[in-house]
Amino acid sequence: MNRLEAADSTIELLRLLQGIGKEELALIGGLIQMYCVADTLCRGLIAMLREKRVGAPSDFAYKLNDADVLLHTRKEAERTGLKINTARIISAVETIEMHRVFRHTFSHWVVKRHVGGQHLVAISKNKSDAEKRDGIPLDDGKAKLMAFRIDALLTELDKVKGHCNFLSELHQYLEDSSVTC
């Protein structure tokens, strides 16, 4: 990262980076898609828990902006009187929340591979997008970089998949049972 940050020009920076291949595209796509699956599962969970709690269906969960879905998933899990694994729901929400940065970054930033081969580097010159990452304004003509170890991204993808599997099983349980509060 030090070499990337010390690059004096865009040309020098690009010499340290190379394009990404099918494996990297699959990893990026997997991270984005699994986050989208988690978002959908959380919206469904909010709707089911709320319906069981208040006794009437609601489309509230499907009107939320994506930044509020995880917050409301946690709230509904904490409010429920159902005998479900609330602590695991909250753990899933906390992990998925940490992965919002991957979904956003890989959806909106250009991604290259560091010539060393072990890192993906996301690049943005969009001032508002870049400032959202760390609160530091981006100077004119500069780029903001984020480096990710590929092996760490693979581990994180597995974590999100595991949480999605749990949330999917919970959906099935709530849909199949006549559980009430």
N, C-alpha and C. Protein backbone atom coordinates (compact mmCIF):
# COMPACT_ATOMS: atom_id res chain seq x y z
N MET A 1 0.83 -1.19 0.00
CA MET A 1 0.00 0.00 0.00
C MET A 1 0.88 1.25 0.00
N ASN A 2 1.98 1.20 0.70
CA ASN A 2 2.89 2.36 0.73
C ASN A 2 3.37 2.72 -0.67
N ARG A 3 3.74 1.71 -1.47
CA ARG A 3 4.19 1.98 -2.84
C ARG A 3 3.07 2.60 -3.67
N LEU A 4 1.84 2.11 -3.47
CA LEU A 4 0.71 2.66 -4.22
C LEU A 4 0.45 4.11 -3.83
N GLU A 5 0.47 4.38 -2.52
CA GLU A 5 0.21 5.74 -2.04
C GLU A 5 1.32 6.71 -2.44
N ALA A 6 2.53 6.21 -2.58
CA ALA A 6 3.67 7.07 -2.91
C ALA A 6 3.81 7.36 -4.40
N ALA A 7 2.98 6.71 -5.21
CA ALA A 7 3.06 6.93 -6.66
C ALA A 7 2.84 8.41 -6.97
N ASP A 8 3.75 8.99 -7.75
CA ASP A 8 3.69 10.42 -8.07
C ASP A 8 2.70 10.76 -9.18
N SER A 9 2.30 9.77 -9.94
CA SER A 9 1.42 10.05 -11.07
C SER A 9 0.50 8.85 -11.31
N THR A 10 -0.53 9.10 -12.10
CA THR A 10 -1.43 8.02 -12.47
C THR A 10 -0.67 6.95 -13.22
N ILE A 11 0.25 7.34 -14.07
CA ILE A 11 1.04 6.38 -14.85
C ILE A 11 1.85 5.49 -13.92
N GLU A 12 2.49 6.10 -12.93
CA GLU A 12 3.29 5.31 -11.98
C GLU A 12 2.38 4.36 -11.18
N LEU A 13 1.22 4.83 -10.79
CA LEU A 13 0.27 4.00 -10.06
C LEU A 13 -0.16 2.81 -10.91
N LEU A 14 -0.50 3.08 -12.16
CA LEU A 14 -0.98 2.01 -13.03
C LEU A 14 0.10 0.96 -13.33
N ARG A 15 1.36 1.34 -13.23
CA ARG A 15 2.45 0.36 -13.40
C ARG A 15 2.46 -0.68 -12.29
N LEU A 16 1.90 -0.31 -11.16
CA LEU A 16 1.86 -1.23 -10.02
C LEU A 16 0.61 -2.11 -10.02
N LEU A 17 -0.26 -1.86 -10.98
CA LEU A 17 -1.53 -2.58 -11.04
C LEU A 17 -1.70 -3.26 -12.38
N GLN A 18 -2.53 -4.28 -12.38
CA GLN A 18 -2.86 -4.97 -13.62
C GLN A 18 -4.35 -5.27 -13.61
N GLY A 19 -4.84 -5.65 -14.77
CA GLY A 19 -6.27 -5.98 -14.87
C GLY A 19 -6.60 -7.22 -14.04
N ILE A 20 -7.89 -7.42 -13.86
CA ILE A 20 -8.32 -8.60 -13.12
C ILE A 20 -8.83 -9.65 -14.09
N GLY A 21 -8.78 -10.89 -13.65
CA GLY A 21 -9.22 -12.00 -14.48
C GLY A 21 -10.53 -12.59 -14.00
N LYS A 22 -10.87 -13.75 -14.56
CA LYS A 22 -12.14 -14.40 -14.25
C LYS A 22 -12.28 -14.73 -12.77
N GLU A 23 -11.21 -15.18 -12.14
CA GLU A 23 -11.29 -15.53 -10.72
C GLU A 23 -11.59 -14.31 -9.86
N GLU A 24 -10.93 -13.21 -10.16
CA GLU A 24 -11.18 -11.99 -9.39
C GLU A 24 -12.60 -11.46 -9.65
N LEU A 25 -13.03 -11.53 -10.91
CA LEU A 25 -14.40 -11.11 -11.23
C LEU A 25 -15.42 -11.98 -10.50
N ALA A 26 -15.16 -13.27 -10.43
CA ALA A 26 -16.06 -14.18 -9.72
C ALA A 26 -16.10 -13.85 -8.22
N LEU A 27 -14.95 -13.54 -7.66
CA LEU A 27 -14.89 -13.18 -6.24
C LEU A 27 -15.66 -11.88 -5.98
N ILE A 28 -15.41 -10.88 -6.79
CA ILE A 28 -16.10 -9.59 -6.64
C ILE A 28 -17.62 -9.79 -6.81
N GLY A 29 -18.00 -10.50 -7.85
CA GLY A 29 -19.42 -10.77 -8.08
C GLY A 29 -20.03 -11.55 -6.93
N GLY A 30 -19.28 -12.51 -6.40
CA GLY A 30 -19.77 -13.29 -5.27
C GLY A 30 -20.02 -12.42 -4.05
N LEU A 31 -19.09 -11.52 -3.76
CA LEU A 31 -19.25 -10.63 -2.61
C LEU A 31 -20.45 -9.71 -2.77
N ILE A 32 -20.61 -9.16 -3.97
CA ILE A 32 -21.75 -8.27 -4.23
C ILE A 32 -23.05 -9.06 -4.15
N GLN A 33 -23.10 -10.20 -4.81
CA GLN A 33 -24.33 -10.97 -4.86
C GLN A 33 -24.72 -11.51 -3.49
N MET A 34 -23.76 -11.99 -2.72
CA MET A 34 -24.10 -12.52 -1.40
C MET A 34 -24.61 -11.41 -0.48
N TYR A 35 -24.08 -10.21 -0.64
CA TYR A 35 -24.62 -9.10 0.14
C TYR A 35 -26.07 -8.84 -0.27
N CYS A 36 -26.35 -8.88 -1.57
CA CYS A 36 -27.72 -8.67 -2.05
C CYS A 36 -28.65 -9.76 -1.54
N VAL A 37 -28.17 -11.00 -1.50
CA VAL A 37 -28.97 -12.10 -0.95
C VAL A 37 -29.24 -11.84 0.52
N ALA A 38 -28.21 -11.43 1.27
CA ALA A 38 -28.38 -11.13 2.70
C ALA A 38 -29.41 -10.03 2.90
N ASP A 39 -29.35 -8.99 2.08
CA ASP A 39 -30.31 -7.88 2.16
C ASP A 39 -31.73 -8.40 1.95
N THR A 40 -31.92 -9.23 0.95
CA THR A 40 -33.24 -9.77 0.65
C THR A 40 -33.74 -10.65 1.80
N LEU A 41 -32.87 -11.50 2.32
CA LEU A 41 -33.25 -12.36 3.44
C LEU A 41 -33.61 -11.54 4.68
N CYS A 42 -32.86 -10.48 4.93
CA CYS A 42 -33.15 -9.62 6.07
C CYS A 42 -34.49 -8.91 5.90
N ARG A 43 -34.78 -8.44 4.70
CA ARG A 43 -36.08 -7.81 4.46
C ARG A 43 -37.22 -8.80 4.71
N GLY A 44 -37.05 -10.02 4.23
CA GLY A 44 -38.07 -11.04 4.47
C GLY A 44 -38.22 -11.36 5.94
N LEU A 45 -37.10 -11.42 6.65
CA LEU A 45 -37.13 -11.71 8.08
C LEU A 45 -37.84 -10.58 8.84
N ILE A 46 -37.54 -9.34 8.48
CA ILE A 46 -38.23 -8.20 9.11
C ILE A 46 -39.74 -8.36 8.91
N ALA A 47 -40.14 -8.64 7.68
CA ALA A 47 -41.57 -8.75 7.37
C ALA A 47 -42.22 -9.88 8.17
N MET A 48 -41.56 -11.04 8.23
CA MET A 48 -42.15 -12.18 8.95
C MET A 48 -42.21 -11.93 10.45
N LEU A 49 -41.13 -11.42 11.02
CA LEU A 49 -41.11 -11.17 12.47
C LEU A 49 -42.11 -10.09 12.85
N ARG A 50 -42.19 -9.06 12.02
CA ARG A 50 -43.14 -7.97 12.29
C ARG A 50 -44.57 -8.50 12.19
N GLU A 51 -44.84 -9.31 11.18
CA GLU A 51 -46.19 -9.86 11.02
C GLU A 51 -46.58 -10.72 12.21
N LYS A 52 -45.65 -11.54 12.68
CA LYS A 52 -45.95 -12.38 13.84
C LYS A 52 -46.12 -11.54 15.10
N ARG A 53 -45.38 -10.44 15.20
CA ARG A 53 -45.44 -9.58 16.38
C ARG A 53 -46.72 -8.74 16.41
N VAL A 54 -47.09 -8.14 15.27
CA VAL A 54 -48.26 -7.24 15.26
C VAL A 54 -49.52 -7.93 14.74
N GLY A 55 -49.38 -9.11 14.17
CA GLY A 55 -50.55 -9.86 13.72
C GLY A 55 -51.11 -9.48 12.37
N ALA A 56 -50.38 -8.69 11.60
CA ALA A 56 -50.87 -8.29 10.28
C ALA A 56 -49.67 -8.12 9.33
N PRO A 57 -49.86 -8.50 8.08
CA PRO A 57 -48.77 -8.32 7.10
C PRO A 57 -48.45 -6.84 6.89
N SER A 58 -47.21 -6.59 6.52
CA SER A 58 -46.77 -5.21 6.26
C SER A 58 -45.71 -5.24 5.16
N ASP A 59 -45.73 -4.21 4.33
CA ASP A 59 -44.69 -4.11 3.31
C ASP A 59 -43.58 -3.15 3.74
N PHE A 60 -43.56 -2.80 5.02
CA PHE A 60 -42.56 -1.89 5.60
C PHE A 60 -41.13 -2.27 5.20
N ALA A 61 -40.80 -3.55 5.33
CA ALA A 61 -39.43 -4.01 5.09
C ALA A 61 -38.99 -3.78 3.65
N TYR A 62 -39.93 -3.79 2.75
CA TYR A 62 -39.60 -3.68 1.33
C TYR A 62 -39.51 -2.22 0.86
N LYS A 63 -39.80 -1.30 1.77
CA LYS A 63 -39.70 0.12 1.47
C LYS A 63 -38.44 0.75 2.07
N LEU A 64 -37.72 0.00 2.89
CA LEU A 64 -36.53 0.53 3.56
C LEU A 64 -35.40 0.78 2.57
N ASN A 65 -34.61 1.83 2.82
CA ASN A 65 -33.39 1.96 2.02
C ASN A 65 -32.39 0.95 2.57
N ASP A 66 -31.41 0.60 1.76
CA ASP A 66 -30.51 -0.49 2.14
C ASP A 66 -29.73 -0.22 3.42
N ALA A 67 -29.48 1.04 3.73
CA ALA A 67 -28.73 1.37 4.94
C ALA A 67 -29.52 1.05 6.20
N ASP A 68 -30.85 0.99 6.11
CA ASP A 68 -31.68 0.75 7.28
C ASP A 68 -32.14 -0.70 7.46
N VAL A 69 -31.91 -1.53 6.47
CA VAL A 69 -32.39 -2.91 6.54
C VAL A 69 -31.78 -3.66 7.72
N LEU A 70 -30.49 -3.56 7.89
CA LEU A 70 -29.83 -4.31 8.95
C LEU A 70 -30.23 -3.78 10.34
N LEU A 71 -30.39 -2.49 10.45
CA LEU A 71 -30.84 -1.88 11.70
C LEU A 71 -32.21 -2.44 12.11
N HIS A 72 -33.13 -2.49 11.17
CA HIS A 72 -34.48 -2.97 11.47
C HIS A 72 -34.52 -4.49 11.65
N THR A 73 -33.63 -5.21 11.00
CA THR A 73 -33.54 -6.65 11.23
C THR A 73 -33.18 -6.90 12.69
N ARG A 74 -32.18 -6.17 13.14
CA ARG A 74 -31.75 -6.30 14.54
C ARG A 74 -32.90 -5.93 15.50
N LYS A 75 -33.57 -4.82 15.23
CA LYS A 75 -34.68 -4.38 16.09
C LYS A 75 -35.78 -5.43 16.17
N GLU A 76 -36.17 -5.97 15.03
CA GLU A 76 -37.24 -6.98 15.03
C GLU A 76 -36.78 -8.25 15.75
N ALA A 77 -35.54 -8.63 15.60
CA ALA A 77 -35.02 -9.81 16.30
C ALA A 77 -35.06 -9.58 17.81
N GLU A 78 -34.70 -8.38 18.24
CA GLU A 78 -34.69 -8.06 19.67
C GLU A 78 -36.11 -7.98 20.24
N ARG A 79 -37.08 -7.61 19.42
CA ARG A 79 -38.47 -7.44 19.88
C ARG A 79 -39.26 -8.74 19.87
N THR A 80 -38.80 -9.71 19.12
CA THR A 80 -39.61 -10.91 18.93
C THR A 80 -39.77 -11.69 20.22
N GLY A 81 -40.91 -12.32 20.35
CA GLY A 81 -41.15 -13.22 21.47
C GLY A 81 -41.03 -14.67 21.03
N LEU A 82 -40.64 -14.87 19.78
CA LEU A 82 -40.51 -16.22 19.24
C LEU A 82 -39.28 -16.91 19.82
N LYS A 83 -39.35 -18.22 19.88
CA LYS A 83 -38.21 -18.99 20.35
C LYS A 83 -37.31 -19.29 19.15
N ILE A 84 -36.53 -18.27 18.79
CA ILE A 84 -35.58 -18.39 17.70
C ILE A 84 -34.23 -17.89 18.21
N ASN A 85 -33.19 -18.16 17.47
CA ASN A 85 -31.84 -17.81 17.89
C ASN A 85 -31.56 -16.33 17.60
N THR A 86 -32.05 -15.49 18.48
CA THR A 86 -31.91 -14.04 18.33
C THR A 86 -30.44 -13.63 18.31
N ALA A 87 -29.64 -14.23 19.17
CA ALA A 87 -28.21 -13.88 19.22
C ALA A 87 -27.54 -14.17 17.88
N ARG A 88 -27.92 -15.25 17.24
CA ARG A 88 -27.31 -15.58 15.94
C ARG A 88 -27.79 -14.63 14.85
N ILE A 89 -29.03 -14.19 14.94
CA ILE A 89 -29.53 -13.18 13.98
C ILE A 89 -28.71 -11.91 14.13
N ILE A 90 -28.51 -11.48 15.35
CA ILE A 90 -27.74 -10.26 15.60
C ILE A 90 -26.30 -10.42 15.14
N SER A 91 -25.71 -11.59 15.37
CA SER A 91 -24.35 -11.85 14.88
C SER A 91 -24.29 -11.78 13.36
N ALA A 92 -25.30 -12.35 12.70
CA ALA A 92 -25.35 -12.30 11.23
C ALA A 92 -25.46 -10.85 10.76
N VAL A 93 -26.31 -10.08 11.41
CA VAL A 93 -26.50 -8.67 11.04
C VAL A 93 -25.18 -7.91 11.20
N GLU A 94 -24.48 -8.14 12.30
CA GLU A 94 -23.22 -7.43 12.53
C GLU A 94 -22.18 -7.78 11.47
N THR A 95 -22.10 -9.05 11.10
CA THR A 95 -21.14 -9.46 10.07
C THR A 95 -21.53 -8.89 8.71
N ILE A 96 -22.80 -8.97 8.38
CA ILE A 96 -23.27 -8.45 7.09
C ILE A 96 -23.04 -6.94 7.01
N GLU A 97 -23.25 -6.24 8.11
CA GLU A 97 -23.01 -4.79 8.14
C GLU A 97 -21.56 -4.47 7.78
N MET A 98 -20.63 -5.26 8.27
CA MET A 98 -19.22 -5.04 7.96
C MET A 98 -18.95 -5.24 6.48
N HIS A 99 -19.79 -6.00 5.81
CA HIS A 99 -19.58 -6.32 4.40
C HIS A 99 -20.23 -5.32 3.45
N ARG A 100 -20.93 -4.35 3.99
CA ARG A 100 -21.51 -3.32 3.13
C ARG A 100 -20.41 -2.60 2.36
N VAL A 101 -19.25 -2.43 2.97
CA VAL A 101 -18.14 -1.73 2.30
C VAL A 101 -17.70 -2.50 1.05
N PHE A 102 -17.70 -3.82 1.11
CA PHE A 102 -17.34 -4.60 -0.07
C PHE A 102 -18.37 -4.39 -1.17
N ARG A 103 -19.65 -4.50 -0.81
CA ARG A 103 -20.71 -4.35 -1.81
C ARG A 103 -20.61 -2.98 -2.47
N HIS A 104 -20.46 -1.96 -1.67
CA HIS A 104 -20.42 -0.62 -2.22
C HIS A 104 -19.14 -0.39 -3.04
N THR A 105 -18.02 -0.73 -2.48
CA THR A 105 -16.75 -0.49 -3.16
C THR A 105 -16.67 -1.25 -4.48
N PHE A 106 -16.97 -2.52 -4.44
CA PHE A 106 -16.83 -3.32 -5.65
C PHE A 106 -17.92 -3.03 -6.67
N SER A 107 -19.00 -2.37 -6.25
CA SER A 107 -20.04 -1.98 -7.20
C SER A 107 -19.76 -0.64 -7.86
N HIS A 108 -18.97 0.23 -7.22
CA HIS A 108 -18.81 1.59 -7.70
C HIS A 108 -17.37 2.01 -8.01
N TRP A 109 -16.40 1.26 -7.59
CA TRP A 109 -15.01 1.63 -7.80
C TRP A 109 -14.38 0.71 -8.85
N VAL A 110 -13.35 1.20 -9.50
CA VAL A 110 -12.59 0.38 -10.45
C VAL A 110 -11.69 -0.55 -9.62
N VAL A 111 -11.63 -1.81 -10.01
CA VAL A 111 -10.81 -2.77 -9.26
C VAL A 111 -9.70 -3.30 -10.17
N LYS A 112 -8.49 -3.27 -9.64
CA LYS A 112 -7.31 -3.82 -10.30
C LYS A 112 -6.64 -4.80 -9.36
N ARG A 113 -5.71 -5.54 -9.89
CA ARG A 113 -4.92 -6.47 -9.07
C ARG A 113 -3.52 -5.89 -8.94
N HIS A 114 -3.00 -5.90 -7.72
CA HIS A 114 -1.63 -5.44 -7.50
C HIS A 114 -0.69 -6.42 -8.20
N VAL A 115 0.40 -5.91 -8.77
CA VAL A 115 1.31 -6.76 -9.53
C VAL A 115 1.89 -7.88 -8.66
N GLY A 116 1.90 -7.71 -7.35
CA GLY A 116 2.35 -8.77 -6.45
C GLY A 116 1.41 -9.95 -6.40
N GLY A 117 0.15 -9.74 -6.84
CA GLY A 117 -0.80 -10.82 -7.00
C GLY A 117 -1.63 -11.19 -5.79
N GLN A 118 -1.37 -10.63 -4.62
CA GLN A 118 -2.10 -11.06 -3.43
C GLN A 118 -3.19 -10.08 -2.99
N HIS A 119 -3.29 -8.94 -3.68
CA HIS A 119 -4.25 -7.91 -3.28
C HIS A 119 -5.08 -7.43 -4.47
N LEU A 120 -6.32 -7.10 -4.18
CA LEU A 120 -7.13 -6.34 -5.11
C LEU A 120 -7.08 -4.90 -4.63
N VAL A 121 -7.02 -3.98 -5.57
CA VAL A 121 -6.96 -2.56 -5.23
C VAL A 121 -8.13 -1.87 -5.92
N ALA A 122 -8.98 -1.24 -5.10
CA ALA A 122 -10.12 -0.49 -5.62
C ALA A 122 -9.72 0.98 -5.69
N ILE A 123 -10.10 1.64 -6.77
CA ILE A 123 -9.69 3.02 -7.02
C ILE A 123 -10.92 3.86 -7.35
N SER A 124 -10.97 5.06 -6.75
CA SER A 124 -12.03 6.00 -7.09
C SER A 124 -11.48 7.41 -7.12
N LYS A 125 -11.96 8.18 -8.07
CA LYS A 125 -11.68 9.62 -8.11
C LYS A 125 -12.95 10.41 -7.83
N ASN A 126 -14.03 9.71 -7.50
CA ASN A 126 -15.29 10.35 -7.17
C ASN A 126 -15.19 10.90 -5.75
N LYS A 127 -15.26 12.21 -5.61
CA LYS A 127 -15.02 12.86 -4.32
C LYS A 127 -16.00 12.41 -3.23
N SER A 128 -17.28 12.39 -3.53
CA SER A 128 -18.25 12.03 -2.49
C SER A 128 -18.14 10.55 -2.12
N ASP A 129 -17.96 9.69 -3.11
CA ASP A 129 -17.79 8.25 -2.85
C ASP A 129 -16.54 8.00 -2.01
N ALA A 130 -15.47 8.65 -2.37
CA ALA A 130 -14.20 8.44 -1.67
C ALA A 130 -14.28 8.93 -0.23
N GLU A 131 -14.93 10.04 -0.01
CA GLU A 131 -15.02 10.59 1.35
C GLU A 131 -15.89 9.71 2.25
N LYS A 132 -16.87 9.01 1.67
CA LYS A 132 -17.71 8.10 2.45
C LYS A 132 -16.90 6.98 3.09
N ARG A 133 -15.83 6.59 2.47
CA ARG A 133 -15.03 5.48 2.97
C ARG A 133 -14.35 5.77 4.30
N ASP A 134 -13.78 6.98 4.43
CA ASP A 134 -12.98 7.25 5.64
C ASP A 134 -13.16 8.66 6.19
N GLY A 135 -14.07 9.43 5.58
CA GLY A 135 -14.32 10.78 6.06
C GLY A 135 -13.28 11.80 5.65
N ILE A 136 -12.29 11.39 4.88
CA ILE A 136 -11.22 12.29 4.45
C ILE A 136 -11.54 12.80 3.04
N PRO A 137 -11.63 14.13 2.88
CA PRO A 137 -11.91 14.68 1.55
C PRO A 137 -10.80 14.31 0.55
N LEU A 138 -11.21 14.14 -0.68
CA LEU A 138 -10.28 13.80 -1.75
C LEU A 138 -9.87 15.08 -2.47
N ASP A 139 -8.57 15.29 -2.60
CA ASP A 139 -8.05 16.46 -3.31
C ASP A 139 -8.29 16.33 -4.81
N ASP A 140 -8.42 17.47 -5.48
CA ASP A 140 -8.60 17.48 -6.93
C ASP A 140 -7.50 16.69 -7.61
N GLY A 141 -7.90 15.88 -8.57
CA GLY A 141 -6.95 15.13 -9.37
C GLY A 141 -6.37 13.90 -8.68
N LYS A 142 -6.73 13.67 -7.45
CA LYS A 142 -6.21 12.52 -6.70
C LYS A 142 -7.19 11.37 -6.75
N ALA A 143 -6.71 10.19 -6.42
CA ALA A 143 -7.55 8.99 -6.32
C ALA A 143 -7.45 8.44 -4.91
N LYS A 144 -8.53 7.82 -4.49
CA LYS A 144 -8.52 7.11 -3.21
C LYS A 144 -8.39 5.64 -3.53
N LEU A 145 -7.58 4.96 -2.74
CA LEU A 145 -7.33 3.54 -2.95
C LEU A 145 -7.77 2.74 -1.73
N MET A 146 -8.25 1.55 -1.99
CA MET A 146 -8.53 0.59 -0.93
C MET A 146 -7.91 -0.72 -1.37
N ALA A 147 -7.10 -1.31 -0.51
CA ALA A 147 -6.45 -2.58 -0.84
C ALA A 147 -7.08 -3.69 0.00
N PHE A 148 -7.30 -4.83 -0.63
CA PHE A 148 -7.92 -5.98 0.02
C PHE A 148 -7.09 -7.22 -0.27
N ARG A 149 -6.72 -7.96 0.76
CA ARG A 149 -6.04 -9.24 0.55
C ARG A 149 -7.05 -10.22 -0.05
N ILE A 150 -6.67 -10.87 -1.11
CA ILE A 150 -7.59 -11.79 -1.79
C ILE A 150 -7.97 -12.95 -0.87
N ASP A 151 -7.00 -13.51 -0.14
CA ASP A 151 -7.33 -14.63 0.75
C ASP A 151 -8.31 -14.20 1.84
N ALA A 152 -8.18 -12.97 2.32
CA ALA A 152 -9.11 -12.47 3.34
C ALA A 152 -10.52 -12.27 2.74
N LEU A 153 -10.59 -11.82 1.50
CA LEU A 153 -11.90 -11.66 0.85
C LEU A 153 -12.60 -13.01 0.69
N LEU A 154 -11.83 -14.04 0.35
CA LEU A 154 -12.41 -15.38 0.23
C LEU A 154 -12.97 -15.86 1.56
N THR A 155 -12.26 -15.59 2.64
CA THR A 155 -12.72 -15.95 3.97
C THR A 155 -14.00 -15.19 4.31
N GLU A 156 -14.03 -13.89 4.00
CA GLU A 156 -15.21 -13.09 4.28
C GLU A 156 -16.41 -13.54 3.46
N LEU A 157 -16.18 -13.94 2.22
CA LEU A 157 -17.26 -14.44 1.39
C LEU A 157 -17.87 -15.69 2.03
N ASP A 158 -17.04 -16.57 2.54
CA ASP A 158 -17.54 -17.77 3.21
C ASP A 158 -18.37 -17.41 4.45
N LYS A 159 -17.95 -16.40 5.18
CA LYS A 159 -18.71 -15.96 6.36
C LYS A 159 -20.11 -15.49 5.96
N VAL A 160 -20.18 -14.66 4.94
CA VAL A 160 -21.48 -14.14 4.51
C VAL A 160 -22.35 -15.28 4.00
N LYS A 161 -21.77 -16.21 3.26
CA LYS A 161 -22.54 -17.37 2.78
C LYS A 161 -23.12 -18.15 3.96
N GLY A 162 -22.32 -18.35 5.00
CA GLY A 162 -22.80 -19.06 6.18
C GLY A 162 -23.97 -18.35 6.84
N HIS A 163 -23.87 -17.04 6.97
CA HIS A 163 -24.96 -16.28 7.56
C HIS A 163 -26.20 -16.32 6.68
N CYS A 164 -26.01 -16.27 5.37
CA CYS A 164 -27.15 -16.36 4.45
C CYS A 164 -27.83 -17.73 4.57
N ASN A 165 -27.03 -18.77 4.71
CA ASN A 165 -27.62 -20.11 4.89
C ASN A 165 -28.47 -20.15 6.16
N PHE A 166 -27.94 -19.59 7.25
CA PHE A 166 -28.71 -19.55 8.50
C PHE A 166 -30.01 -18.76 8.31
N LEU A 167 -29.92 -17.57 7.71
CA LEU A 167 -31.11 -16.75 7.51
C LEU A 167 -32.13 -17.45 6.61
N SER A 168 -31.64 -18.17 5.63
CA SER A 168 -32.52 -18.92 4.74
C SER A 168 -33.24 -20.04 5.50
N GLU A 169 -32.51 -20.74 6.36
CA GLU A 169 -33.11 -21.79 7.18
C GLU A 169 -34.14 -21.19 8.14
N LEU A 170 -33.85 -20.03 8.68
CA LEU A 170 -34.78 -19.35 9.58
C LEU A 170 -36.06 -18.97 8.82
N HIS A 171 -35.90 -18.48 7.60
CA HIS A 171 -37.07 -18.17 6.76
C HIS A 171 -37.94 -19.42 6.62
N GLN A 172 -37.31 -20.52 6.27
CA GLN A 172 -38.03 -21.77 6.06
C GLN A 172 -38.78 -22.17 7.33
N TYR A 173 -38.11 -22.08 8.46
CA TYR A 173 -38.72 -22.41 9.74
C TYR A 173 -39.95 -21.53 10.00
N LEU A 174 -39.80 -20.22 9.81
CA LEU A 174 -40.90 -19.31 10.07
C LEU A 174 -42.05 -19.49 9.09
N GLU A 175 -41.73 -19.83 7.85
CA GLU A 175 -42.78 -20.06 6.85
C GLU A 175 -43.51 -21.36 7.09
N ASP A 176 -42.80 -22.39 7.55
CA ASP A 176 -43.39 -23.71 7.73
C ASP A 176 -44.10 -23.89 9.06
N SER A 177 -43.79 -23.06 10.01
CA SER A 177 -44.36 -23.28 11.34
C SER A 177 -45.52 -22.34 11.61
N SER A 178 -46.28 -22.74 12.58
CA SER A 178 -47.37 -21.89 13.03
C SER A 178 -46.97 -21.20 14.33
N VAL A 179 -45.69 -20.91 14.46
CA VAL A 179 -45.13 -20.29 15.65
C VAL A 179 -45.77 -18.91 15.83
N THR A 180 -46.16 -18.63 17.03
CA THR A 180 -46.69 -17.31 17.36
C THR A 180 -45.96 -16.77 18.57
N CYS A 181 -46.09 -15.48 18.79
CA CYS A 181 -45.39 -14.84 19.92
C CYS A 181 -46.00 -15.21 21.23
